[in-house]
Protein backbone atom coordinates (compact mmCIF):
# COMPACT_ATOMS: atom_id res chain seq x y z
CA UNK A 1 103.26 282.00 67.30
CA UNK A 2 99.81 280.59 67.65
CA UNK A 3 100.40 278.48 64.55
CA UNK A 4 103.57 277.08 66.05
CA UNK A 5 101.67 276.05 69.22
CA UNK A 6 99.02 274.30 67.12
CA UNK A 7 101.71 272.49 65.14
CA UNK A 8 103.46 271.37 68.35
CA UNK A 9 100.17 270.20 69.84
CA UNK A 10 99.41 268.24 66.66
CA UNK A 11 102.80 266.54 66.72
CA UNK A 12 102.45 265.71 70.42
CA UNK A 13 98.97 264.32 69.82
CA UNK A 14 100.26 262.21 66.95
CA UNK A 15 103.06 260.82 69.08
CA UNK A 16 100.62 259.98 71.86
CA UNK A 17 98.37 258.26 69.35
CA UNK A 18 101.27 256.23 67.96
CA UNK A 19 102.26 255.32 71.49
CA UNK A 20 98.77 254.15 72.34
CA UNK A 21 98.56 252.14 69.14
CA UNK A 22 101.92 250.51 69.89
CA UNK A 23 100.90 249.78 73.47
CA UNK A 24 97.62 248.34 72.29
CA UNK A 25 99.46 246.08 69.84
CA UNK A 26 101.85 244.87 72.53
CA UNK A 27 99.01 244.19 74.96
CA UNK A 28 97.10 242.31 72.28
CA UNK A 29 100.18 240.26 71.40
CA UNK A 30 100.83 239.52 75.05
CA UNK A 31 97.20 238.46 75.51
CA UNK A 32 97.44 236.13 72.53
CA UNK A 33 100.64 234.61 73.86
CA UNK A 34 99.08 234.29 77.31
CA UNK A 35 96.14 232.46 75.76
CA UNK A 36 98.57 230.15 74.03
CA UNK A 37 100.15 229.29 77.36
CA UNK A 38 96.71 228.50 78.72
CA UNK A 39 96.38 225.67 76.20
CA UNK A 40 97.32 222.48 77.99
CA UNK A 41 96.69 218.77 77.88
CA UNK A 42 96.58 216.50 80.94
CA UNK A 43 97.52 212.87 80.49
CA UNK A 44 98.25 209.83 82.66
CA UNK A 45 101.10 207.39 82.36
CA UNK A 46 101.07 203.88 83.85
CA UNK A 47 103.95 201.72 85.02
CA UNK A 48 103.10 198.20 86.13
CA UNK A 49 105.58 195.45 86.97
CA UNK A 50 105.65 192.07 88.69
CA UNK A 51 108.13 191.10 91.37
CA UNK A 52 108.61 188.12 93.64
CA UNK A 53 107.85 188.82 97.30
CA UNK A 54 111.03 188.94 99.37
CA UNK A 55 109.57 188.35 102.83
CA UNK A 56 107.15 185.68 103.99
CA UNK A 57 105.28 185.62 107.31
CA UNK A 58 103.93 182.13 107.92
CA UNK A 59 101.87 181.57 111.08
CA UNK A 60 101.55 177.86 111.88
CA UNK A 61 98.58 177.53 114.20
CA UNK A 62 97.76 174.28 115.98
CA UNK A 63 95.41 173.17 118.75
CA UNK A 64 95.61 170.89 121.74
CA UNK A 65 92.88 169.69 124.09
CA UNK A 66 92.75 167.93 127.45
CA UNK A 67 91.29 167.78 130.92
CA UNK A 68 94.52 168.25 132.86
CA UNK A 69 96.00 171.74 132.54
CA UNK A 70 99.57 170.72 133.36
CA UNK A 71 99.49 167.93 130.80
CA UNK A 72 97.99 170.33 128.25
CA UNK A 73 100.89 172.75 128.64
CA UNK A 74 103.35 169.89 128.29
CA UNK A 75 101.64 168.78 125.08
CA UNK A 76 101.79 172.32 123.70
CA UNK A 77 105.51 172.59 124.48
CA UNK A 78 106.20 169.23 122.87
CA UNK A 79 104.30 170.09 119.67
CA UNK A 80 105.96 173.50 119.49
CA UNK A 81 109.39 171.93 119.79
CA UNK A 82 108.58 169.37 117.08
CA UNK A 83 107.44 172.09 114.68
CA UNK A 84 110.53 174.21 115.37
CA UNK A 85 112.80 171.21 114.83
CA UNK A 86 110.98 170.30 111.61
CA UNK A 87 111.50 173.83 110.28
CA UNK A 88 115.17 173.88 111.29
CA UNK A 89 115.76 170.48 109.67
CA UNK A 90 114.36 171.93 106.44
CA UNK A 91 116.74 174.86 106.34
CA UNK A 92 114.91 177.58 108.28
CA UNK A 93 117.17 179.61 110.56
CA UNK A 94 116.08 179.29 114.18
CA UNK A 95 116.30 183.07 114.52
CA UNK A 96 113.46 183.29 111.99
CA UNK A 97 111.15 181.15 114.14
CA UNK A 98 109.09 182.45 117.06
CA UNK A 99 106.01 181.38 118.99
CA UNK A 100 103.29 183.03 121.02
CA UNK A 101 101.94 182.35 124.47
CA UNK A 102 99.20 179.72 124.05
CA UNK A 103 95.59 180.84 124.36
CA UNK A 104 93.79 178.51 126.79
CA UNK A 105 90.01 178.18 126.95
CA UNK A 106 88.36 176.63 130.02
CA UNK A 107 84.95 175.46 128.83
CA UNK A 108 83.67 174.91 132.37
CA UNK A 109 84.20 178.61 133.10
CA UNK A 110 82.16 179.76 130.14
CA UNK A 111 78.76 181.18 130.94
CA UNK A 112 77.05 179.85 127.83
CA UNK A 113 77.18 176.58 125.94
CA UNK A 114 76.38 172.95 126.60
CA UNK A 115 79.52 172.09 128.56
CA UNK A 116 78.19 168.66 129.60
CA UNK A 117 78.83 167.35 126.10
CA UNK A 118 82.42 168.55 125.90
CA UNK A 119 84.94 165.74 125.91
CA UNK A 120 87.74 168.01 127.05
CA UNK A 121 87.58 170.82 129.56
CA UNK A 122 90.54 172.75 128.16
CA UNK A 123 91.43 173.70 124.60
CA UNK A 124 94.58 175.55 123.59
CA UNK A 125 95.66 177.42 120.48
CA UNK A 126 99.34 177.98 119.82
CA UNK A 127 101.06 179.73 116.91
CA UNK A 128 104.59 179.19 115.66
CA UNK A 129 105.56 181.94 113.21
CA UNK A 130 108.18 181.94 110.49
CA UNK A 131 109.40 185.39 109.41
CA UNK A 132 111.90 184.84 106.62
CA UNK A 133 113.33 186.19 103.40
CA UNK A 134 113.73 182.63 102.12
CA UNK A 135 110.38 182.75 100.35
CA UNK A 136 111.04 179.84 97.99
CA UNK A 137 112.32 177.56 100.76
CA UNK A 138 109.40 178.36 103.03
CA UNK A 139 106.85 177.70 100.29
CA UNK A 140 108.45 174.33 99.67
CA UNK A 141 108.18 173.42 103.36
CA UNK A 142 104.49 174.39 103.45
CA UNK A 143 103.69 171.49 101.18
CA UNK A 144 105.34 168.99 103.50
CA UNK A 145 103.86 170.18 106.79
CA UNK A 146 101.33 167.35 106.58
CA UNK A 147 104.12 165.06 107.79
CA UNK A 148 103.65 166.54 111.25
CA UNK A 149 99.88 166.24 110.91
CA UNK A 150 100.29 162.51 110.46
CA UNK A 151 102.16 162.44 113.77
CA UNK A 152 99.25 163.89 115.72
CA UNK A 153 99.60 167.67 115.51
CA UNK A 154 96.25 169.26 114.67
CA UNK A 155 96.73 172.33 112.48
CA UNK A 156 94.01 174.97 112.14
CA UNK A 157 94.95 176.44 108.79
CA UNK A 158 91.57 178.03 108.11
CA UNK A 159 91.94 180.55 110.92
CA UNK A 160 91.97 184.19 109.83
CA UNK A 161 94.90 184.89 112.13
CA UNK A 162 96.90 182.07 110.53
CA UNK A 163 96.91 183.42 106.97
CA UNK A 164 100.30 183.57 105.29
CA UNK A 165 101.52 187.03 104.25
CA UNK A 166 103.93 187.86 101.46
CA UNK A 167 105.65 191.24 101.48
CA UNK A 168 107.65 193.19 98.90
CA UNK A 169 110.11 195.43 100.72
CA UNK A 170 112.23 196.73 97.79
CA UNK A 171 109.84 199.44 96.65
CA UNK A 172 112.42 202.22 97.08
CA UNK A 173 114.75 200.34 94.73
CA UNK A 174 112.24 200.13 91.88
CA UNK A 175 110.54 203.50 92.34
CA UNK A 176 112.85 205.65 90.16
CA UNK A 177 112.67 203.37 87.12
CA UNK A 178 108.89 203.00 87.43
CA UNK A 179 108.30 206.74 87.78
CA UNK A 180 110.50 207.32 84.73
CA UNK A 181 108.52 204.74 82.77
CA UNK A 182 105.17 206.23 83.81
CA UNK A 183 106.33 209.74 82.83
CA UNK A 184 107.59 208.45 79.48
CA UNK A 185 104.25 206.77 78.82
CA UNK A 186 102.42 209.99 79.71
CA UNK A 187 104.56 212.00 77.28
CA UNK A 188 103.87 209.50 74.49
CA UNK A 189 100.12 209.92 75.04
CA UNK A 190 100.45 213.72 75.12
CA UNK A 191 102.56 213.69 71.96
CA UNK A 192 99.87 211.69 70.15
CA UNK A 193 97.20 214.12 71.33
CA UNK A 194 99.27 217.11 70.15
CA UNK A 195 99.89 215.49 66.78
CA UNK A 196 96.20 214.72 66.27
CA UNK A 197 95.26 218.31 67.12
CA UNK A 198 97.96 219.84 64.86
CA UNK A 199 99.75 221.27 67.90
CA UNK A 200 103.23 221.14 69.31
CA UNK A 201 103.93 219.66 72.72
CA UNK A 202 105.55 222.12 75.10
CA UNK A 203 107.07 221.92 78.54
CA UNK A 204 105.51 220.31 81.59
CA UNK A 205 103.21 222.69 83.41
CA UNK A 206 102.43 220.44 86.34
CA UNK A 207 103.07 216.82 87.31
CA UNK A 208 101.99 214.59 90.17
CA UNK A 209 102.96 211.08 91.12
CA UNK A 210 100.19 208.77 92.27
CA UNK A 211 100.44 206.34 95.16
CA UNK A 212 102.28 203.09 94.56
CA UNK A 213 100.10 200.03 95.05
CA UNK A 214 101.35 196.53 95.81
CA UNK A 215 98.89 193.65 95.38
CA UNK A 216 98.99 189.94 94.80
CA UNK A 217 98.98 189.12 91.10
CA UNK A 218 96.12 186.67 91.72
CA UNK A 219 94.63 184.53 94.48
CA UNK A 220 96.63 181.47 93.48
CA UNK A 221 100.00 183.26 93.47
CA UNK A 222 100.06 185.65 96.44
CA UNK A 223 103.88 185.49 96.48
CA UNK A 224 104.00 187.29 93.12
CA UNK A 225 103.36 190.99 93.61
CA UNK A 226 102.01 193.45 91.08
CA UNK A 227 103.50 196.90 91.69
CA UNK A 228 101.65 199.77 90.03
CA UNK A 229 101.92 203.57 89.82
CA UNK A 230 100.12 206.20 87.73
CA UNK A 231 101.69 209.60 87.03
CA UNK A 232 99.55 212.58 85.97
CA UNK A 233 101.31 215.18 83.80
CA UNK A 234 100.01 218.43 82.33
CA UNK A 235 101.79 219.79 79.22
CA UNK A 236 101.61 223.12 77.42
CA UNK A 237 100.43 223.08 73.81
CA UNK A 238 101.30 225.56 71.06
CA UNK A 239 100.53 225.96 67.35
């Protein structure tokens, strides 16, 4: 009887040992496979395209001066009307034209400055603004605005507030194609890395889309916009 108990205990111990060995093998295999999944490569893909701006904001700023306030306002109204008519005659919809309330400066009311030498007591700044999607037409008119200058309207084009703006409003239309292109470029880079390291490229572990940026292509062509996005993608690698 005692021999039978020893034999049973030996068998049980052998089975336990085999079980532990099997478990150890499975854990080791799982650890190796887990390590394999830890192998990744992170790459970036760029998509960059050029588009024409589709909206132009053109502030036309001019000045008037005088010693009689009533006459000054009349001169401002007359110049504003001439500019608006000039724009309309050149194909700009009147609904795309607006103007601000003129800013009047009374030099005699200023605390500082040598007012005795001022020829005019009052100076006024007025802005007529074109907000249009006819970018090409507006740019063409800009070159002929000097016609009004020859007729006595004094434009102040160097003012910071009078800088022309060009906008690109179709970003949502081009986003999908650009994101696809950036992701494709990222995969090509990852595939090259995997090939050089004798690895196989796996699935995407993590991906993030960068911010879209819209800038002028250069200072001389602000109406041409460079749209840019960078996607960051992390891939699994395996042997």
